[in-house]
């Protein structure tokens, strides 16, 4: 299991992200690709995100959601 740090996810240009209500949300699909893990237990919401100049509704999860979902899956 890959160790995660929120600051590194924020800096990573390959992961689409959006700041909403002072919290960072990451594209769920980008995180799945980044970690190469089954994250089916991670909760997500749909948020508008600007991708390649086009606004889309994207499945997004917070850093805490990712950590919590990984722990539940790996127990």
N, C-alpha and C. Protein backbone atom coordinates (compact mmCIF):
# COMPACT_ATOMS: atom_id res chain seq x y z
N UNK A 1 0.85 -1.18 0.00
CA UNK A 1 0.00 0.00 0.00
C UNK A 1 0.90 1.24 0.00
N UNK A 2 0.65 2.12 -0.90
CA UNK A 2 1.44 3.34 -1.07
C UNK A 2 1.11 4.36 0.03
N UNK A 3 2.14 4.98 0.60
CA UNK A 3 1.95 6.00 1.63
C UNK A 3 1.52 7.30 0.95
N UNK A 4 0.51 7.95 1.55
CA UNK A 4 -0.02 9.18 0.98
C UNK A 4 0.25 10.38 1.86
N UNK A 5 0.53 11.49 1.23
CA UNK A 5 0.65 12.78 1.91
C UNK A 5 -0.17 13.77 1.11
N UNK A 6 -1.04 14.49 1.80
CA UNK A 6 -1.94 15.41 1.12
C UNK A 6 -1.18 16.47 0.33
N UNK A 7 -0.11 17.00 0.89
CA UNK A 7 0.64 18.05 0.20
C UNK A 7 1.20 17.56 -1.13
N UNK A 8 1.62 16.29 -1.18
CA UNK A 8 2.14 15.75 -2.43
C UNK A 8 1.03 15.57 -3.46
N UNK A 9 -0.17 15.18 -3.01
CA UNK A 9 -1.29 15.06 -3.94
C UNK A 9 -1.67 16.41 -4.51
N UNK A 10 -1.62 17.44 -3.68
CA UNK A 10 -1.96 18.79 -4.14
C UNK A 10 -0.96 19.27 -5.19
N UNK A 11 0.31 18.95 -5.00
CA UNK A 11 1.35 19.39 -5.93
C UNK A 11 1.39 18.56 -7.22
N UNK A 12 0.87 17.34 -7.19
CA UNK A 12 0.96 16.44 -8.34
C UNK A 12 0.09 16.95 -9.49
N UNK A 13 0.72 17.24 -10.61
CA UNK A 13 0.01 17.80 -11.77
C UNK A 13 -0.83 16.76 -12.50
N UNK A 14 -0.61 15.48 -12.25
CA UNK A 14 -1.38 14.43 -12.94
C UNK A 14 -2.73 14.17 -12.28
N UNK A 15 -2.95 14.74 -11.10
CA UNK A 15 -4.20 14.54 -10.38
C UNK A 15 -5.02 15.83 -10.46
N UNK A 16 -6.20 15.73 -11.04
CA UNK A 16 -7.11 16.88 -11.09
C UNK A 16 -7.68 17.09 -9.69
N UNK A 17 -7.78 18.35 -9.30
CA UNK A 17 -8.24 18.68 -7.96
C UNK A 17 -8.97 20.01 -7.96
N UNK A 18 -9.78 20.22 -6.93
CA UNK A 18 -10.51 21.47 -6.79
C UNK A 18 -10.60 21.77 -5.29
N UNK A 19 -10.48 23.05 -4.96
CA UNK A 19 -10.63 23.46 -3.57
C UNK A 19 -12.07 23.93 -3.37
N UNK A 20 -12.74 23.34 -2.39
CA UNK A 20 -14.13 23.67 -2.12
C UNK A 20 -14.28 23.83 -0.61
N UNK A 21 -14.75 24.99 -0.19
CA UNK A 21 -14.96 25.26 1.23
C UNK A 21 -13.68 25.01 2.04
N UNK A 22 -12.57 25.53 1.53
CA UNK A 22 -11.24 25.45 2.15
C UNK A 22 -10.68 24.03 2.28
N UNK A 23 -11.25 23.07 1.59
CA UNK A 23 -10.76 21.70 1.62
C UNK A 23 -10.49 21.25 0.18
N UNK A 24 -9.42 20.50 -0.01
CA UNK A 24 -9.09 20.00 -1.35
C UNK A 24 -9.83 18.70 -1.61
N UNK A 25 -10.39 18.61 -2.82
CA UNK A 25 -11.03 17.40 -3.29
C UNK A 25 -10.31 16.95 -4.55
N UNK A 26 -10.07 15.65 -4.64
CA UNK A 26 -9.29 15.08 -5.74
C UNK A 26 -10.20 14.23 -6.61
N UNK A 27 -9.90 14.22 -7.90
CA UNK A 27 -10.65 13.38 -8.83
C UNK A 27 -10.51 11.93 -8.39
N UNK A 28 -11.63 11.28 -8.13
CA UNK A 28 -11.63 9.90 -7.67
C UNK A 28 -10.91 8.99 -8.66
N UNK A 29 -11.19 9.16 -9.93
CA UNK A 29 -10.57 8.31 -10.94
C UNK A 29 -9.07 8.54 -11.05
N UNK A 30 -8.61 9.77 -10.87
CA UNK A 30 -7.18 10.05 -10.88
C UNK A 30 -6.48 9.40 -9.68
N UNK A 31 -7.15 9.41 -8.53
CA UNK A 31 -6.58 8.79 -7.33
C UNK A 31 -6.50 7.28 -7.50
N UNK A 32 -7.53 6.67 -8.09
CA UNK A 32 -7.51 5.23 -8.34
C UNK A 32 -6.34 4.88 -9.26
N UNK A 33 -6.14 5.66 -10.31
CA UNK A 33 -5.03 5.43 -11.24
C UNK A 33 -3.68 5.64 -10.54
N UNK A 34 -3.58 6.67 -9.71
CA UNK A 34 -2.35 7.00 -8.99
C UNK A 34 -1.96 5.89 -8.02
N UNK A 35 -2.93 5.38 -7.26
CA UNK A 35 -2.65 4.37 -6.24
C UNK A 35 -2.65 2.95 -6.79
N UNK A 36 -3.37 2.75 -7.91
CA UNK A 36 -3.51 1.41 -8.49
C UNK A 36 -4.05 0.43 -7.43
N UNK A 37 -5.12 0.86 -6.76
CA UNK A 37 -5.77 0.06 -5.72
C UNK A 37 -7.28 0.07 -5.95
N UNK A 38 -7.96 -0.90 -5.33
CA UNK A 38 -9.41 -0.91 -5.33
C UNK A 38 -9.87 0.06 -4.25
N UNK A 39 -10.49 1.15 -4.64
CA UNK A 39 -10.95 2.16 -3.69
C UNK A 39 -12.48 2.21 -3.65
N UNK A 40 -13.11 1.07 -3.82
CA UNK A 40 -14.57 1.02 -3.86
C UNK A 40 -15.21 1.43 -2.53
N UNK A 41 -14.46 1.41 -1.44
CA UNK A 41 -14.99 1.80 -0.13
C UNK A 41 -14.85 3.31 0.14
N UNK A 42 -14.19 4.03 -0.74
CA UNK A 42 -13.98 5.46 -0.56
C UNK A 42 -15.25 6.22 -0.95
N UNK A 43 -15.70 7.09 -0.06
CA UNK A 43 -16.88 7.91 -0.34
C UNK A 43 -16.48 9.07 -1.25
N UNK A 44 -17.40 9.48 -2.11
CA UNK A 44 -17.11 10.58 -3.03
C UNK A 44 -18.37 11.41 -3.23
N UNK A 45 -18.15 12.61 -3.74
CA UNK A 45 -19.25 13.49 -4.12
C UNK A 45 -18.97 13.99 -5.53
N UNK A 46 -19.97 14.56 -6.17
CA UNK A 46 -19.78 15.14 -7.49
C UNK A 46 -19.58 16.65 -7.33
N UNK A 47 -18.49 17.15 -7.89
CA UNK A 47 -18.19 18.58 -7.85
C UNK A 47 -17.83 19.06 -9.25
N UNK A 48 -18.12 20.33 -9.56
CA UNK A 48 -17.69 20.87 -10.85
C UNK A 48 -16.17 21.08 -10.83
N UNK A 49 -15.53 20.66 -11.91
CA UNK A 49 -14.08 20.77 -12.00
C UNK A 49 -13.72 21.19 -13.41
N UNK A 50 -12.76 22.08 -13.55
CA UNK A 50 -12.29 22.54 -14.85
C UNK A 50 -11.19 21.60 -15.33
N UNK A 51 -11.48 20.85 -16.41
CA UNK A 51 -10.50 19.91 -16.97
C UNK A 51 -10.30 20.27 -18.43
N UNK A 52 -9.07 20.61 -18.78
CA UNK A 52 -8.73 21.01 -20.15
C UNK A 52 -9.63 22.12 -20.66
N UNK A 53 -9.95 23.08 -19.78
CA UNK A 53 -10.74 24.23 -20.16
C UNK A 53 -12.24 23.98 -20.22
N UNK A 54 -12.67 22.78 -19.86
CA UNK A 54 -14.10 22.43 -19.90
C UNK A 54 -14.55 22.09 -18.49
N UNK A 55 -15.66 22.70 -18.05
CA UNK A 55 -16.18 22.40 -16.72
C UNK A 55 -17.02 21.13 -16.78
N UNK A 56 -16.67 20.16 -15.91
CA UNK A 56 -17.38 18.89 -15.86
C UNK A 56 -17.72 18.56 -14.41
N UNK A 57 -18.78 17.78 -14.21
CA UNK A 57 -19.09 17.24 -12.90
C UNK A 57 -18.27 15.96 -12.74
N UNK A 58 -17.45 15.92 -11.71
CA UNK A 58 -16.49 14.84 -11.53
C UNK A 58 -16.68 14.23 -10.14
N UNK A 59 -16.50 12.89 -10.05
CA UNK A 59 -16.49 12.23 -8.75
C UNK A 59 -15.24 12.71 -8.03
N UNK A 60 -15.42 13.26 -6.82
CA UNK A 60 -14.29 13.79 -6.06
C UNK A 60 -14.32 13.25 -4.64
N UNK A 61 -13.14 13.12 -4.05
CA UNK A 61 -13.04 12.67 -2.67
C UNK A 61 -11.97 13.51 -1.96
N UNK A 62 -12.18 13.69 -0.67
CA UNK A 62 -11.20 14.43 0.12
C UNK A 62 -10.08 13.48 0.55
N UNK A 63 -9.01 14.03 1.04
CA UNK A 63 -7.89 13.23 1.53
C UNK A 63 -8.36 12.32 2.67
N UNK A 64 -9.19 12.85 3.57
CA UNK A 64 -9.69 12.06 4.69
C UNK A 64 -10.56 10.91 4.20
N UNK A 65 -11.37 11.15 3.17
CA UNK A 65 -12.19 10.08 2.60
C UNK A 65 -11.31 8.95 2.06
N UNK A 66 -10.23 9.31 1.40
CA UNK A 66 -9.31 8.31 0.83
C UNK A 66 -8.70 7.48 1.95
N UNK A 67 -8.17 8.14 2.97
CA UNK A 67 -7.53 7.43 4.08
C UNK A 67 -8.54 6.52 4.79
N UNK A 68 -9.73 7.03 5.06
CA UNK A 68 -10.76 6.25 5.76
C UNK A 68 -11.17 5.04 4.91
N UNK A 69 -11.37 5.22 3.63
CA UNK A 69 -11.77 4.13 2.74
C UNK A 69 -10.70 3.08 2.60
N UNK A 70 -9.46 3.48 2.57
CA UNK A 70 -8.35 2.53 2.49
C UNK A 70 -8.26 1.72 3.77
N UNK A 71 -8.44 2.34 4.93
CA UNK A 71 -8.35 1.63 6.21
C UNK A 71 -9.46 0.60 6.33
N UNK A 72 -10.70 0.98 5.96
CA UNK A 72 -11.82 0.06 6.04
C UNK A 72 -11.60 -1.14 5.14
N UNK A 73 -11.08 -0.90 3.96
CA UNK A 73 -10.86 -1.98 3.01
C UNK A 73 -9.76 -2.92 3.46
N UNK A 74 -8.73 -2.38 4.12
CA UNK A 74 -7.56 -3.18 4.46
C UNK A 74 -7.61 -3.77 5.87
N UNK A 75 -8.72 -3.66 6.58
CA UNK A 75 -8.80 -4.25 7.91
C UNK A 75 -9.24 -5.69 7.84
